[in-house]
Amino acid sequence: MLGYGVRMDIRTALSVAGVCAMVGVLAGWRGARPPNPMKGPRMVPWRFVMVLAATGALLFGITAAHMALGR
């Protein structure tokens, strides 16, 4: 089984949570920009990317907090 019994370092969890948060902020900014019909449709679903990144930041933040408490 992949990933079974593998422990993550708290620095790694915080780093991944920070990267996810930064991607979420960038995607939120890009998704909130008004559409430009002259350029054509948007090829990246920025709102969906924002939701996925926020979910990742939340999960890895919870993982880091769980490790910090030593449970």
C-alpha atoms as a PDB file:
ATOM      1  CA  MET A   1       0.000   0.000   0.000  1.00  0.00           C
ATOM      2  CA  LEU A   2       1.379   3.342  -0.981  1.00  0.00           C
ATOM      3  CA  GLY A   3       1.722   5.825   1.849  1.00  0.00           C
ATOM      4  CA  TYR A   4       0.791   3.390   4.560  1.00  0.00           C
ATOM      5  CA  GLY A   5       2.778   4.073   7.734  1.00  0.00           C
ATOM      6  CA  VAL A   6       4.691   7.017   6.258  1.00  0.00           C
ATOM      7  CA  ARG A   7       5.054   9.939   8.671  1.00  0.00           C
ATOM      8  CA  MET A   8       5.215  13.521   7.481  1.00  0.00           C
ATOM      9  CA  ASP A   9       7.474  16.128   9.061  1.00  0.00           C
ATOM     10  CA  ILE A  10       5.712  19.174  10.516  1.00  0.00           C
ATOM     11  CA  ARG A  11       7.823  21.511   8.373  1.00  0.00           C
ATOM     12  CA  THR A  12       6.727  19.664   5.262  1.00  0.00           C
ATOM     13  CA  ALA A  13       3.067  19.861   6.265  1.00  0.00           C
ATOM     14  CA  LEU A  14       3.323  23.592   6.965  1.00  0.00           C
ATOM     15  CA  SER A  15       5.170  24.182   3.691  1.00  0.00           C
ATOM     16  CA  VAL A  16       2.564  22.323   1.652  1.00  0.00           C
ATOM     17  CA  ALA A  17      -0.228  24.167   3.494  1.00  0.00           C
ATOM     18  CA  GLY A  18       1.463  27.493   2.719  1.00  0.00           C
ATOM     19  CA  VAL A  19       1.898  26.643  -0.959  1.00  0.00           C
ATOM     20  CA  CYS A  20      -1.741  25.562  -1.168  1.00  0.00           C
ATOM     21  CA  ALA A  21      -2.810  28.823   0.465  1.00  0.00           C
ATOM     22  CA  MET A  22      -0.730  30.867  -1.992  1.00  0.00           C
ATOM     23  CA  VAL A  23      -2.153  28.950  -4.955  1.00  0.00           C
ATOM     24  CA  GLY A  24      -5.639  29.520  -3.536  1.00  0.00           C
ATOM     25  CA  VAL A  25      -5.074  33.265  -3.252  1.00  0.00           C
ATOM     26  CA  LEU A  26      -3.676  33.433  -6.796  1.00  0.00           C
ATOM     27  CA  ALA A  27      -6.564  31.384  -8.186  1.00  0.00           C
ATOM     28  CA  GLY A  28      -9.079  33.524  -6.296  1.00  0.00           C
ATOM     29  CA  TRP A  29      -7.565  36.666  -7.766  1.00  0.00           C
ATOM     30  CA  ARG A  30      -7.539  35.212 -11.278  1.00  0.00           C
ATOM     31  CA  GLY A  31     -11.102  33.909 -10.938  1.00  0.00           C
ATOM     32  CA  ALA A  32     -12.441  37.256  -9.730  1.00  0.00           C
ATOM     33  CA  ARG A  33     -11.153  39.172 -12.747  1.00  0.00           C
ATOM     34  CA  PRO A  34     -13.861  40.195 -15.216  1.00  0.00           C
ATOM     35  CA  PRO A  35     -14.098  38.053 -18.336  1.00  0.00           C
ATOM     36  CA  ASN A  36     -12.683  39.416 -21.566  1.00  0.00           C
ATOM     37  CA  PRO A  37     -14.767  38.169 -24.523  1.00  0.00           C
ATOM     38  CA  MET A  38     -12.175  39.458 -27.014  1.00  0.00           C
ATOM     39  CA  LYS A  39      -9.577  36.998 -25.665  1.00  0.00           C
ATOM     40  CA  GLY A  40     -11.960  34.051 -25.740  1.00  0.00           C
ATOM     41  CA  PRO A  41     -13.056  31.696 -22.977  1.00  0.00           C
ATOM     42  CA  ARG A  42     -10.958  30.976 -19.920  1.00  0.00           C
ATOM     43  CA  MET A  43      -9.190  27.673 -20.270  1.00  0.00           C
ATOM     44  CA  VAL A  44      -8.481  27.211 -16.545  1.00  0.00           C
ATOM     45  CA  PRO A  45     -11.387  26.896 -14.075  1.00  0.00           C
ATOM     46  CA  TRP A  46      -9.870  29.257 -11.501  1.00  0.00           C
ATOM     47  CA  ARG A  47     -12.724  29.007  -8.988  1.00  0.00           C
ATOM     48  CA  PHE A  48     -12.427  25.216  -8.902  1.00  0.00           C
ATOM     49  CA  VAL A  49      -8.636  25.486  -8.501  1.00  0.00           C
ATOM     50  CA  MET A  50      -9.225  27.919  -5.630  1.00  0.00           C
ATOM     51  CA  VAL A  51     -11.577  25.492  -3.860  1.00  0.00           C
ATOM     52  CA  LEU A  52      -9.136  22.588  -4.288  1.00  0.00           C
ATOM     53  CA  ALA A  53      -6.214  24.652  -3.006  1.00  0.00           C
ATOM     54  CA  ALA A  54      -8.206  25.876  -0.004  1.00  0.00           C
ATOM     55  CA  THR A  55      -9.167  22.286   0.800  1.00  0.00           C
ATOM     56  CA  GLY A  56      -5.517  21.218   0.603  1.00  0.00           C
ATOM     57  CA  ALA A  57      -4.426  24.100   2.826  1.00  0.00           C
ATOM     58  CA  LEU A  58      -7.087  23.175   5.362  1.00  0.00           C
ATOM     59  CA  LEU A  59      -6.174  19.486   5.392  1.00  0.00           C
ATOM     60  CA  PHE A  60      -2.427  20.051   5.646  1.00  0.00           C
ATOM     61  CA  GLY A  61      -2.975  22.752   8.286  1.00  0.00           C
ATOM     62  CA  ILE A  62      -4.987  20.274  10.345  1.00  0.00           C
ATOM     63  CA  THR A  63      -2.230  17.701   9.847  1.00  0.00           C
ATOM     64  CA  ALA A  64       0.399  20.167  11.067  1.00  0.00           C
ATOM     65  CA  ALA A  65      -1.703  21.099  14.095  1.00  0.00           C
ATOM     66  CA  HIS A  66      -2.217  17.432  14.865  1.00  0.00           C
ATOM     67  CA  MET A  67       1.547  16.858  14.758  1.00  0.00           C
ATOM     68  CA  ALA A  68       2.242  19.946  16.860  1.00  0.00           C
ATOM     69  CA  LEU A  69      -0.033  18.630  19.597  1.00  0.00           C
ATOM     70  CA  GLY A  70       1.766  15.297  19.487  1.00  0.00           C
ATOM     71  CA  ARG A  71      -1.254  13.115  19.000  1.00  0.00           C
END
